[in-house]
Protein backbone atom coordinates (compact mmCIF):
# COMPACT_ATOMS: atom_id res chain seq x y z
CA MET A 1 296.81 -3.30 305.16
CA GLY A 2 298.03 -3.01 301.39
CA ALA A 3 297.51 -1.99 297.58
CA THR A 4 298.62 -1.59 293.88
CA ILE A 5 297.60 0.47 290.89
CA PRO A 6 294.77 -0.92 288.80
CA GLY A 7 295.87 -2.35 285.47
CA ILE A 8 295.01 -0.90 282.18
CA GLY A 9 292.19 -3.40 281.89
CA MET A 10 288.59 -3.17 280.97
CA VAL A 11 287.61 -0.70 283.67
CA TYR A 12 290.20 1.94 282.89
CA ILE A 13 290.37 1.63 279.13
CA PHE A 14 288.62 4.95 278.88
CA LEU A 15 291.71 6.71 280.26
CA PHE A 16 292.94 7.56 276.76
CA ILE A 17 290.05 9.90 276.02
CA LEU A 18 290.77 12.79 278.36
CA THR A 19 290.18 16.10 276.75
CA SER A 20 289.80 18.83 279.31
CA CYS A 21 289.19 19.51 282.95
CA ILE A 22 285.83 21.18 283.13
CA GLY A 23 286.25 24.80 284.15
CA SER A 24 289.19 26.51 285.82
CA HIS A 25 291.49 25.26 288.58
CA GLY A 26 289.19 26.60 291.30
CA GLU A 27 286.33 24.87 293.08
CA ALA A 28 283.68 26.61 291.01
CA GLY A 29 285.41 25.48 287.83
CA LYS A 30 285.15 21.84 288.85
CA ALA A 31 281.45 22.22 289.63
CA ALA A 32 280.96 21.65 285.91
CA THR A 33 278.85 23.70 283.60
CA SER A 34 278.28 20.59 281.50
CA ILE A 35 277.92 16.94 282.39
CA PRO A 36 281.12 14.90 281.90
CA ASP A 37 280.83 11.72 279.90
CA GLN A 38 282.09 8.33 281.01
CA HIS A 39 285.35 8.69 279.16
CA THR A 40 286.51 11.71 281.11
CA ILE A 41 286.29 10.51 284.70
CA ILE A 42 290.08 10.15 284.90
CA ASP A 43 292.55 12.67 283.51
CA PRO A 44 296.07 11.24 283.91
CA ALA A 45 297.54 14.71 283.45
CA GLY A 46 295.77 16.07 286.53
CA LYS A 47 298.10 16.78 289.44
CA THR A 48 295.47 17.01 292.20
CA ILE A 49 292.33 15.08 293.11
CA ILE A 50 290.08 17.78 291.71
CA ASP A 51 292.01 17.92 288.43
CA ARG A 52 292.58 14.20 287.91
CA PHE A 53 289.08 12.95 288.67
CA ASN A 54 285.90 14.30 287.15
CA PRO A 55 282.52 13.28 288.61
CA PRO A 56 280.55 10.49 286.90
CA PRO A 57 277.99 11.46 284.25
CA GLY A 58 275.23 13.62 285.71
CA TYR A 59 277.12 14.56 288.89
CA ILE A 60 278.76 17.85 289.79
CA ARG A 61 280.94 19.04 292.63
CA GLU A 62 279.53 21.68 294.91
CA ASP A 63 281.80 24.56 295.87
CA VAL A 64 283.76 24.17 299.10
CA ASP A 65 285.10 27.20 300.97
CA THR A 66 288.88 27.50 300.79
CA SER A 67 289.10 27.63 304.59
CA LEU A 68 287.63 24.15 305.05
CA PHE A 69 289.16 20.69 305.41
CA GLY A 70 287.18 19.55 302.38
CA PHE A 71 288.93 22.06 300.12
CA PHE A 72 292.31 20.91 301.41
CA LEU A 73 291.51 17.25 300.71
CA ARG A 74 289.99 17.87 297.29
CA ASN A 75 293.17 19.68 296.29
CA LEU A 76 295.67 17.12 297.56
CA GLU A 77 298.60 16.76 295.22
CA LEU A 78 299.02 13.39 293.53
CA LYS A 79 302.06 11.57 292.23
CA PRO A 80 302.22 11.12 288.44
CA TYR A 81 299.51 8.82 287.14
CA GLY A 82 300.72 5.23 287.17
CA SER A 83 302.91 5.67 290.25
CA LYS A 84 303.00 2.71 292.60
CA VAL A 85 302.24 2.79 296.28
CA LYS A 86 305.45 2.35 298.25
CA TYR A 87 305.91 0.91 301.70
CA TYR A 88 307.88 2.84 304.31
CA ASN A 89 310.98 0.84 303.29
CA GLY A 90 310.72 1.93 299.67
CA GLN A 91 309.43 -1.39 298.35
CA PRO A 92 306.44 -1.28 295.96
CA LYS A 93 303.14 -2.80 296.94
CA ASN A 94 302.14 -5.42 294.42
CA LYS A 95 298.46 -6.00 294.96
CA PRO A 96 296.33 -5.34 291.87
CA ASN A 97 293.16 -3.30 291.50
CA VAL A 98 293.21 -1.61 294.89
CA TYR A 99 294.00 2.02 294.11
CA ILE A 100 293.96 4.46 291.23
CA SER A 101 296.37 7.17 292.35
CA VAL A 102 298.89 7.97 295.06
CA VAL A 103 298.92 11.08 297.24
CA ASP A 104 302.21 12.97 296.99
CA MET A 105 303.11 13.11 300.69
CA ASP A 106 306.06 11.64 302.55
CA ILE A 107 305.43 8.77 304.97
CA GLY A 108 308.84 8.53 306.63
CA ASP A 109 311.07 5.47 306.82
CA ARG A 110 309.47 3.75 309.83
CA ASP A 111 306.45 1.49 310.01
CA LEU A 112 304.28 4.16 311.63
CA GLN A 113 301.86 5.89 309.26
CA GLN A 114 299.24 3.20 308.78
CA CYS A 115 295.46 3.58 308.39
CA ALA A 116 294.23 5.77 311.26
CA ASP A 117 297.61 7.50 311.22
CA ALA A 118 297.02 8.65 307.63
CA VAL A 119 293.70 10.17 308.67
CA MET A 120 295.37 11.99 311.57
CA ARG A 121 298.18 13.11 309.27
CA LEU A 122 295.81 14.63 306.72
CA ARG A 123 293.82 16.41 309.40
CA SER A 124 296.99 17.74 311.01
CA GLU A 125 298.51 18.87 307.71
CA PHE A 126 295.37 20.93 307.10
CA LEU A 127 295.44 22.49 310.56
CA TYR A 128 299.18 23.12 310.33
CA GLU A 129 298.76 24.82 306.95
CA LYS A 130 296.08 27.08 308.48
CA LYS A 131 298.29 27.75 311.52
CA ARG A 132 295.57 26.35 313.77
CA TYR A 133 298.26 24.88 315.98
CA GLN A 134 296.11 24.76 319.11
CA ASP A 135 293.65 22.44 317.33
CA ILE A 136 296.25 19.76 316.60
CA HIS A 137 295.91 17.08 319.26
CA PHE A 138 295.12 13.37 319.47
CA ASN A 139 294.45 10.95 322.29
CA PHE A 140 296.78 8.14 323.33
CA VAL A 141 295.46 4.60 323.52
CA SER A 142 297.04 4.09 326.94
CA ASP A 143 295.11 6.69 328.92
CA GLY A 144 292.64 8.32 326.51
CA ASN A 145 294.17 11.74 327.10
CA PRO A 146 295.19 14.16 324.34
CA ARG A 147 298.76 15.11 323.46
CA PHE A 148 298.91 18.63 322.05
CA TYR A 149 301.14 19.74 319.23
CA GLU A 150 301.72 23.11 320.91
CA ASP A 151 303.15 21.38 323.99
CA PHE A 152 305.38 19.20 321.84
CA ALA A 153 306.50 22.08 319.61
CA ASP A 154 307.40 24.32 322.58
CA GLY A 155 307.46 27.35 320.32
CA ASP A 156 309.15 25.59 317.38
CA HIS A 157 306.62 25.54 314.54
CA SER A 158 309.06 24.31 311.91
CA TYR A 159 307.79 21.55 309.64
CA ASP A 160 310.53 19.24 310.87
CA ARG A 161 309.26 19.57 314.44
CA PHE A 162 305.69 19.05 313.25
CA ARG A 163 306.69 15.78 311.52
CA LYS A 164 308.37 14.59 314.71
CA TYR A 165 305.13 15.28 316.58
CA MET A 166 303.17 13.23 314.04
CA ASP A 167 305.52 10.25 314.42
CA TYR A 168 305.12 10.59 318.18
CA ILE A 169 301.34 10.42 317.78
CA PHE A 170 301.51 7.50 315.35
CA SER A 171 303.43 5.50 317.93
CA TYR A 172 300.77 5.76 320.62
CA ALA A 173 297.41 6.29 318.87
CA ASN A 174 295.38 3.94 316.65
CA THR A 175 291.92 3.32 315.18
CA SER A 176 290.47 2.73 318.64
CA SER A 177 291.71 5.98 320.16
CA LEU A 178 290.82 7.97 317.04
CA SER A 179 287.33 6.49 316.87
CA GLN A 180 286.62 7.65 320.41
CA GLU A 181 287.54 11.22 319.47
CA LEU A 182 285.20 11.37 316.48
CA ILE A 183 281.45 12.00 316.44
CA PRO A 184 278.96 9.79 314.54
CA VAL A 185 277.41 11.11 311.33
CA ASN A 186 273.68 10.48 311.43
CA PRO A 187 271.96 10.37 309.03
CA TYR A 188 274.59 8.84 306.81
CA HIS A 189 273.41 10.88 303.82
CA GLU A 190 274.78 13.98 305.55
CA MET A 191 278.28 12.82 304.60
CA GLN A 192 280.84 15.57 304.05
CA ILE A 193 284.35 15.62 302.62
CA GLY A 194 286.66 14.85 305.54
CA ASP A 195 284.35 12.28 307.15
CA ILE A 196 285.86 8.95 308.15
CA LEU A 197 284.67 5.38 307.86
CA ILE A 198 286.30 3.76 310.87
CA GLN A 199 286.05 0.29 312.32
CA THR A 200 287.80 -0.91 315.44
CA GLY A 201 288.71 -4.51 316.05
CA ASN A 202 290.89 -6.91 317.93
CA PRO A 203 293.73 -6.83 317.10
CA TYR A 204 293.19 -4.55 314.10
CA GLY A 205 290.69 -2.07 312.75
CA HIS A 206 290.75 0.15 309.70
CA ALA A 207 289.91 3.70 308.67
CA VAL A 208 289.44 5.44 305.33
CA ILE A 209 288.69 9.09 304.68
CA VAL A 210 286.27 10.80 302.29
CA VAL A 211 288.38 13.07 300.06
CA ASP A 212 285.75 14.24 297.57
CA LEU A 213 282.00 14.35 297.02
CA ALA A 214 279.68 15.09 294.09
CA GLU A 215 275.92 15.23 293.66
CA ASN A 216 273.42 14.61 290.86
CA PRO A 217 271.14 17.68 290.97
CA ALA A 218 268.37 15.86 289.13
CA THR A 219 268.14 12.95 291.60
CA ASP A 220 269.90 14.28 294.73
CA GLU A 221 272.07 11.15 294.65
CA LYS A 222 275.67 11.52 295.79
CA VAL A 223 278.99 9.85 295.07
CA PHE A 224 282.14 10.02 297.16
CA MET A 225 285.82 9.18 296.92
CA LEU A 226 287.98 7.45 299.53
CA ALA A 227 291.65 7.45 300.49
CA GLN A 228 293.57 5.17 302.83
CA SER A 229 296.89 3.96 304.11
CA TYR A 230 297.26 0.37 305.31
CA MET A 231 299.57 -2.07 307.08
CA PRO A 232 302.52 -1.98 306.95
CA ALA A 233 302.92 1.80 306.62
CA GLN A 234 302.53 2.93 303.02
CA ASP A 235 301.65 5.87 300.77
CA ILE A 236 298.17 7.32 301.07
CA GLN A 237 296.19 6.08 298.09
CA ILE A 238 292.94 6.88 296.27
CA LEU A 239 290.87 3.69 296.35
CA GLY A 240 289.32 2.13 293.28
CA ASN A 241 285.75 0.81 293.27
CA ARG A 242 285.76 -2.89 292.39
CA LYS A 243 282.01 -3.28 292.87
CA ASN A 244 281.13 -0.50 290.42
CA PRO A 245 284.20 -0.03 288.21
CA GLY A 246 282.33 2.12 285.70
CA ILE A 247 282.38 5.05 288.13
CA SER A 248 285.66 4.21 289.90
CA PRO A 249 287.18 5.81 291.97
CA TRP A 250 283.75 7.10 293.04
CA TYR A 251 281.36 5.21 295.33
CA LYS A 252 277.59 5.68 295.46
CA LEU A 253 276.31 7.08 298.74
CA GLY A 254 273.63 4.90 300.28
CA GLU A 255 275.06 1.48 299.52
CA ASP A 256 275.47 -0.58 302.69
CA PRO A 257 277.90 -2.19 303.27
CA ILE A 258 280.61 -0.09 301.63
CA GLU A 259 282.94 -2.59 300.01
CA THR A 260 286.39 -1.12 299.52
CA PRO A 261 289.16 -3.23 297.95
CA GLU A 262 290.67 -4.22 301.31
CA TRP A 263 287.95 -3.68 303.88
CA THR A 264 284.17 -3.65 304.29
CA PHE A 265 282.52 -0.84 306.22
CA TYR A 266 278.94 -0.11 307.26
CA THR A 267 277.07 3.18 307.13
CA LEU A 268 276.83 3.31 310.93
CA GLU A 269 280.63 3.55 311.04
CA LEU A 270 280.77 7.00 309.45
CA LYS A 271 282.24 9.65 311.78
CA ARG A 272 283.81 13.10 311.65
CA PHE A 273 286.08 15.44 313.55
CA LYS A 274 284.23 17.60 316.06
CA ASP A 275 284.98 20.92 314.42
């Protein structure tokens, strides 16, 4: 599963206009007091999702409590604008018009953190940050049973031990095992930040995660943003929207299928973690 930064072509020519991030660094600040225009969707100077990407015209972000997974995802740190996705071996991924930005998070030097793994990594990073150690667990493909971080850590909650646990999980879990742990989101319009579009297959499936959401208060329409890893293991990336480049990297909620640059999903494939 793979990607590369969109060129400076027609879709992203508006990048040069960025004036200001609406509001302060907090959630409420990004829930704009005025409607952003088309030329300020992307701010290359922004260092996080919430600071680099403004909602499309007419849309605003709703506040998300700082204790929630959605806040964590919306505030993910990004590599400098223009950075390339790298594979686990350090080689750049040269596939155009797939992603717009790269999440600033290590992926290790083994071919482990692929699509479902990236979803599990983000969820676990959030839980680890909140010291919710008992909630970090994922099922193995082989027997469907969970392996708990607390058992693996054996009292050692250092980040190094945590990363070893994640590699352990990546080796024995996949889209199939993750999908079985998640619960369906129905109706689809109840999408939340942190939900996952996940599709299993033989031999491969794919998973992407919703990392931001905004709503048009006049129409109740919503847009969302997606992140993924792919095969072979590579940096987590913010996906562009090839079908509707004028609002990229946002996608309109309600379109079915959901055509991402490297995979097509359907609304019935939206799921979320149980808590």
